[in-house]
Amino acid sequence: MSTALHQLTISEISCRNLRSADMFGKNDVYVVFRVGTKKVKTHHIKNAGKHASFDEILTMNLEDHDLEHGIDVGAYDYDVGSSDDLLGQGKLVNLLALKRTPNQPRQFKEPFKYKGKGRGEFSCVLTLRVGGVAGTSPLGAAGGKVFAQAMGTPAAPPPPAYVAPPAP
């Protein structure tokens, strides 16, 4: 049985009302999106404080079971010389619904929690490009190499050309 590989685009990422993790100064916020061992993250915004908006687009290659599981989202305070502080955690769920309207942006807004208590919220826009068989590109054969390069994964080699056997 084959598994479909999809490209998920994450854009318009923002966080609001985050907790303060720095005693002196403001949070240097970045956001991590994780499904199993797959993860992407934004750059950090220096002195963002409790509110941060990211002007960047992230992409992930996901399979159906990844969409079923959902995406864990965490906001962190970047620290030099010590481990980064968790500001809040949330989850994007019901992502299989994105397959019903492929290539259509959908806004998500979810709460962040920290130690079981509400600690702000995050929002983002998700767009799913529905793909074919795992190991191939959702962009089709012609776009596979470009897609693989953009995603930082090696492109699958093209199938060997058919050579007819010699005539008897």
C-alpha atoms as a PDB file:
ATOM      1  CA  MET A   1       0.000   0.000   0.000  1.00  0.00           C
ATOM      2  CA  SER A   2       1.387   3.415  -0.908  1.00  0.00           C
ATOM      3  CA  THR A   3       1.184   6.558   1.177  1.00  0.00           C
ATOM      4  CA  ALA A   4       0.487  10.001  -0.231  1.00  0.00           C
ATOM      5  CA  LEU A   5       3.049  12.728   0.398  1.00  0.00           C
ATOM      6  CA  HIS A   6       1.703  16.256   0.733  1.00  0.00           C
ATOM      7  CA  GLN A   7       3.329  19.658   0.990  1.00  0.00           C
ATOM      8  CA  LEU A   8       2.007  21.808   3.829  1.00  0.00           C
ATOM      9  CA  THR A   9       2.722  25.527   3.693  1.00  0.00           C
ATOM     10  CA  ILE A  10       2.594  27.485   6.954  1.00  0.00           C
ATOM     11  CA  SER A  11       2.337  31.269   6.704  1.00  0.00           C
ATOM     12  CA  GLU A  12       1.067  34.352   8.553  1.00  0.00           C
ATOM     13  CA  ILE A  13       2.391  32.975  11.839  1.00  0.00           C
ATOM     14  CA  SER A  14       1.730  35.076  14.925  1.00  0.00           C
ATOM     15  CA  CYS A  15       1.658  34.752  18.707  1.00  0.00           C
ATOM     16  CA  ARG A  16      -0.255  36.936  21.150  1.00  0.00           C
ATOM     17  CA  ASN A  17      -0.202  37.408  24.923  1.00  0.00           C
ATOM     18  CA  LEU A  18       2.774  35.126  25.564  1.00  0.00           C
ATOM     19  CA  ARG A  19       4.180  34.812  29.070  1.00  0.00           C
ATOM     20  CA  SER A  20       7.332  36.769  29.932  1.00  0.00           C
ATOM     21  CA  ALA A  21      10.337  34.495  30.344  1.00  0.00           C
ATOM     22  CA  ASP A  22      13.083  37.115  30.707  1.00  0.00           C
ATOM     23  CA  MET A  23      13.443  38.961  33.985  1.00  0.00           C
ATOM     24  CA  PHE A  24      15.342  41.768  32.273  1.00  0.00           C
ATOM     25  CA  GLY A  25      14.397  42.522  28.688  1.00  0.00           C
ATOM     26  CA  LYS A  26      11.827  41.097  26.335  1.00  0.00           C
ATOM     27  CA  ASN A  27      11.235  37.661  24.838  1.00  0.00           C
ATOM     28  CA  ASP A  28      13.181  36.795  21.680  1.00  0.00           C
ATOM     29  CA  VAL A  29      10.382  34.676  20.203  1.00  0.00           C
ATOM     30  CA  TYR A  30      10.501  31.848  17.680  1.00  0.00           C
ATOM     31  CA  VAL A  31       7.938  29.142  16.848  1.00  0.00           C
ATOM     32  CA  VAL A  32       8.491  25.413  16.194  1.00  0.00           C
ATOM     33  CA  PHE A  33       6.058  23.169  14.277  1.00  0.00           C
ATOM     34  CA  ARG A  34       6.638  19.445  14.910  1.00  0.00           C
ATOM     35  CA  VAL A  35       5.120  16.162  13.705  1.00  0.00           C
ATOM     36  CA  GLY A  36       7.017  13.147  14.979  1.00  0.00           C
ATOM     37  CA  THR A  37      10.634  13.650  13.933  1.00  0.00           C
ATOM     38  CA  LYS A  38       9.764  16.284  11.328  1.00  0.00           C
ATOM     39  CA  LYS A  39      10.075  19.906  12.402  1.00  0.00           C
ATOM     40  CA  VAL A  40      10.378  23.397  11.003  1.00  0.00           C
ATOM     41  CA  LYS A  41      10.859  26.645  12.872  1.00  0.00           C
ATOM     42  CA  THR A  42      10.793  30.370  12.333  1.00  0.00           C
ATOM     43  CA  HIS A  43      13.742  32.650  12.936  1.00  0.00           C
ATOM     44  CA  HIS A  44      13.692  34.409  16.312  1.00  0.00           C
ATOM     45  CA  ILE A  45      12.505  37.986  16.651  1.00  0.00           C
ATOM     46  CA  LYS A  46      14.717  39.909  19.040  1.00  0.00           C
ATOM     47  CA  ASN A  47      12.859  41.843  21.747  1.00  0.00           C
ATOM     48  CA  ALA A  48       9.448  40.755  20.457  1.00  0.00           C
ATOM     49  CA  GLY A  49       7.991  40.720  23.956  1.00  0.00           C
ATOM     50  CA  LYS A  50       4.558  39.130  24.381  1.00  0.00           C
ATOM     51  CA  HIS A  51       3.462  39.509  20.747  1.00  0.00           C
ATOM     52  CA  ALA A  52       5.273  38.310  17.624  1.00  0.00           C
ATOM     53  CA  SER A  53       4.388  38.123  13.920  1.00  0.00           C
ATOM     54  CA  PHE A  54       6.616  36.267  11.486  1.00  0.00           C
ATOM     55  CA  ASP A  55       7.000  37.367   7.884  1.00  0.00           C
ATOM     56  CA  GLU A  56       8.098  34.010   6.546  1.00  0.00           C
ATOM     57  CA  ILE A  57       6.718  30.885   4.930  1.00  0.00           C
ATOM     58  CA  LEU A  58       7.552  27.404   6.199  1.00  0.00           C
ATOM     59  CA  THR A  59       6.920  24.109   4.419  1.00  0.00           C
ATOM     60  CA  MET A  60       6.679  20.500   5.579  1.00  0.00           C
ATOM     61  CA  ASN A  61       6.365  17.209   3.710  1.00  0.00           C
ATOM     62  CA  LEU A  62       3.609  15.246   5.438  1.00  0.00           C
ATOM     63  CA  GLU A  63       1.842  11.942   4.941  1.00  0.00           C
ATOM     64  CA  ASP A  64      -1.794  11.174   5.758  1.00  0.00           C
ATOM     65  CA  HIS A  65      -0.912   9.739   9.174  1.00  0.00           C
ATOM     66  CA  ASP A  66       0.908  13.015  10.000  1.00  0.00           C
ATOM     67  CA  LEU A  67      -2.250  14.953   9.166  1.00  0.00           C
ATOM     68  CA  GLU A  68      -4.264  12.586  11.372  1.00  0.00           C
ATOM     69  CA  HIS A  69      -1.867  13.058  14.292  1.00  0.00           C
ATOM     70  CA  GLY A  70      -1.809  16.865  14.049  1.00  0.00           C
ATOM     71  CA  ILE A  71       1.037  19.342  14.445  1.00  0.00           C
ATOM     72  CA  ASP A  72       2.498  20.278  17.820  1.00  0.00           C
ATOM     73  CA  VAL A  73       3.308  23.981  18.015  1.00  0.00           C
ATOM     74  CA  GLY A  74       5.610  25.587  20.557  1.00  0.00           C
ATOM     75  CA  ALA A  75       6.698  29.177  21.121  1.00  0.00           C
ATOM     76  CA  TYR A  76      10.121  29.697  22.687  1.00  0.00           C
ATOM     77  CA  ASP A  77      12.283  32.502  24.002  1.00  0.00           C
ATOM     78  CA  TYR A  78      15.725  32.312  22.396  1.00  0.00           C
ATOM     79  CA  ASP A  79      18.517  32.636  24.964  1.00  0.00           C
ATOM     80  CA  VAL A  80      22.260  32.895  24.392  1.00  0.00           C
ATOM     81  CA  GLY A  81      24.328  30.840  26.829  1.00  0.00           C
ATOM     82  CA  SER A  82      21.417  28.881  28.309  1.00  0.00           C
ATOM     83  CA  SER A  83      18.589  26.665  27.108  1.00  0.00           C
ATOM     84  CA  ASP A  84      15.667  28.377  25.417  1.00  0.00           C
ATOM     85  CA  ASP A  85      12.539  28.951  27.515  1.00  0.00           C
ATOM     86  CA  LEU A  86       9.203  27.441  26.555  1.00  0.00           C
ATOM     87  CA  LEU A  87       6.574  30.184  26.325  1.00  0.00           C
ATOM     88  CA  GLY A  88       3.592  28.053  25.347  1.00  0.00           C
ATOM     89  CA  GLN A  89       2.456  24.887  23.565  1.00  0.00           C
ATOM     90  CA  GLY A  90      -0.511  24.162  21.354  1.00  0.00           C
ATOM     91  CA  LYS A  91      -1.688  21.757  18.692  1.00  0.00           C
ATOM     92  CA  LEU A  92      -3.162  22.032  15.212  1.00  0.00           C
ATOM     93  CA  VAL A  93      -5.752  19.271  14.736  1.00  0.00           C
ATOM     94  CA  ASN A  94      -8.329  18.135  12.151  1.00  0.00           C
ATOM     95  CA  LEU A  95      -5.782  18.596   9.379  1.00  0.00           C
ATOM     96  CA  LEU A  96      -7.203  15.826   7.177  1.00  0.00           C
ATOM     97  CA  ALA A  97      -9.996  18.315   6.425  1.00  0.00           C
ATOM     98  CA  LEU A  98      -7.419  20.308   4.431  1.00  0.00           C
ATOM     99  CA  LYS A  99      -7.452  17.524   1.814  1.00  0.00           C
ATOM    100  CA  ARG A 100     -11.078  18.361   0.937  1.00  0.00           C
ATOM    101  CA  THR A 101     -10.033  21.849  -0.181  1.00  0.00           C
ATOM    102  CA  PRO A 102      -6.471  21.479  -1.482  1.00  0.00           C
ATOM    103  CA  ASN A 103      -4.498  24.605  -2.335  1.00  0.00           C
ATOM    104  CA  GLN A 104      -6.977  26.724  -0.354  1.00  0.00           C
ATOM    105  CA  PRO A 105      -5.486  28.699   2.555  1.00  0.00           C
ATOM    106  CA  ARG A 106      -7.188  28.078   5.897  1.00  0.00           C
ATOM    107  CA  GLN A 107      -6.749  30.220   9.021  1.00  0.00           C
ATOM    108  CA  PHE A 108      -6.105  28.494  12.354  1.00  0.00           C
ATOM    109  CA  LYS A 109      -6.217  30.157  15.768  1.00  0.00           C
ATOM    110  CA  GLU A 110      -5.445  28.048  18.833  1.00  0.00           C
ATOM    111  CA  PRO A 111      -4.610  28.626  22.499  1.00  0.00           C
ATOM    112  CA  PHE A 112      -1.146  28.182  23.958  1.00  0.00           C
ATOM    113  CA  LYS A 113      -0.730  26.502  27.331  1.00  0.00           C
ATOM    114  CA  TYR A 114       2.168  26.530  29.751  1.00  0.00           C
ATOM    115  CA  LYS A 115       2.153  24.128  32.716  1.00  0.00           C
ATOM    116  CA  GLY A 116      -1.544  23.435  32.098  1.00  0.00           C
ATOM    117  CA  LYS A 117      -2.648  27.081  32.128  1.00  0.00           C
ATOM    118  CA  GLY A 118      -3.661  29.295  29.231  1.00  0.00           C
ATOM    119  CA  ARG A 119      -0.702  31.396  28.108  1.00  0.00           C
ATOM    120  CA  GLY A 120      -1.723  33.290  25.019  1.00  0.00           C
ATOM    121  CA  GLU A 121      -2.565  32.084  21.554  1.00  0.00           C
ATOM    122  CA  PHE A 122      -1.092  31.494  18.134  1.00  0.00           C
ATOM    123  CA  SER A 123      -2.486  31.753  14.654  1.00  0.00           C
ATOM    124  CA  CYS A 124      -1.294  30.727  11.218  1.00  0.00           C
ATOM    125  CA  VAL A 125      -2.522  29.986   7.723  1.00  0.00           C
ATOM    126  CA  LEU A 126      -2.132  26.449   6.381  1.00  0.00           C
ATOM    127  CA  THR A 127      -2.284  25.482   2.723  1.00  0.00           C
ATOM    128  CA  LEU A 128      -2.059  21.838   1.693  1.00  0.00           C
ATOM    129  CA  ARG A 129      -0.850  20.723  -1.706  1.00  0.00           C
ATOM    130  CA  VAL A 130      -2.107  17.167  -2.058  1.00  0.00           C
ATOM    131  CA  GLY A 131       0.474  14.792  -3.465  1.00  0.00           C
ATOM    132  CA  GLY A 132       0.813  11.346  -4.905  1.00  0.00           C
ATOM    133  CA  VAL A 133       2.871   8.385  -3.757  1.00  0.00           C
ATOM    134  CA  ALA A 134       5.456   8.830  -0.983  1.00  0.00           C
ATOM    135  CA  GLY A 135       8.877   9.515  -2.437  1.00  0.00           C
ATOM    136  CA  THR A 136       7.407  11.550  -5.274  1.00  0.00           C
ATOM    137  CA  SER A 137       6.662  15.222  -5.456  1.00  0.00           C
ATOM    138  CA  PRO A 138       3.204  16.745  -4.923  1.00  0.00           C
ATOM    139  CA  LEU A 139       4.183  18.927  -7.888  1.00  0.00           C
ATOM    140  CA  GLY A 140       4.273  16.007 -10.302  1.00  0.00           C
ATOM    141  CA  ALA A 141       7.166  14.455 -12.166  1.00  0.00           C
ATOM    142  CA  ALA A 142       8.326  17.672 -13.835  1.00  0.00           C
ATOM    143  CA  GLY A 143       8.448  19.604 -10.568  1.00  0.00           C
ATOM    144  CA  GLY A 144       9.887  16.804  -8.458  1.00  0.00           C
ATOM    145  CA  LYS A 145      13.507  17.880  -8.708  1.00  0.00           C
ATOM    146  CA  VAL A 146      12.708  21.532  -7.952  1.00  0.00           C
ATOM    147  CA  PHE A 147      10.419  20.513  -5.069  1.00  0.00           C
ATOM    148  CA  ALA A 148      13.047  18.182  -3.611  1.00  0.00           C
ATOM    149  CA  GLN A 149      15.741  20.868  -3.813  1.00  0.00           C
ATOM    150  CA  ALA A 150      13.454  23.418  -2.162  1.00  0.00           C
ATOM    151  CA  MET A 151      12.590  20.942   0.601  1.00  0.00           C
ATOM    152  CA  GLY A 152      16.225  19.963   1.117  1.00  0.00           C
ATOM    153  CA  THR A 153      15.667  16.343   0.179  1.00  0.00           C
ATOM    154  CA  PRO A 154      17.297  14.441  -2.647  1.00  0.00           C
ATOM    155  CA  ALA A 155      15.175  14.046  -5.741  1.00  0.00           C
ATOM    156  CA  ALA A 156      14.199  10.538  -6.752  1.00  0.00           C
ATOM    157  CA  PRO A 157      16.047   9.459  -9.892  1.00  0.00           C
ATOM    158  CA  PRO A 158      13.910   9.254 -13.020  1.00  0.00           C
ATOM    159  CA  PRO A 159      12.820   5.764 -14.035  1.00  0.00           C
ATOM    160  CA  PRO A 160      15.124   4.081 -16.540  1.00  0.00           C
ATOM    161  CA  ALA A 161      14.180   4.479 -20.179  1.00  0.00           C
ATOM    162  CA  TYR A 162      12.615   1.431 -21.784  1.00  0.00           C
ATOM    163  CA  VAL A 163      14.910  -0.316 -24.199  1.00  0.00           C
ATOM    164  CA  ALA A 164      13.278  -2.818 -26.505  1.00  0.00           C
ATOM    165  CA  PRO A 165      15.000  -6.205 -26.727  1.00  0.00           C
ATOM    166  CA  PRO A 166      16.819  -6.879 -30.021  1.00  0.00           C
ATOM    167  CA  ALA A 167      14.670  -8.391 -32.769  1.00  0.00           C
ATOM    168  CA  PRO A 168      15.231 -12.142 -33.341  1.00  0.00           C
END
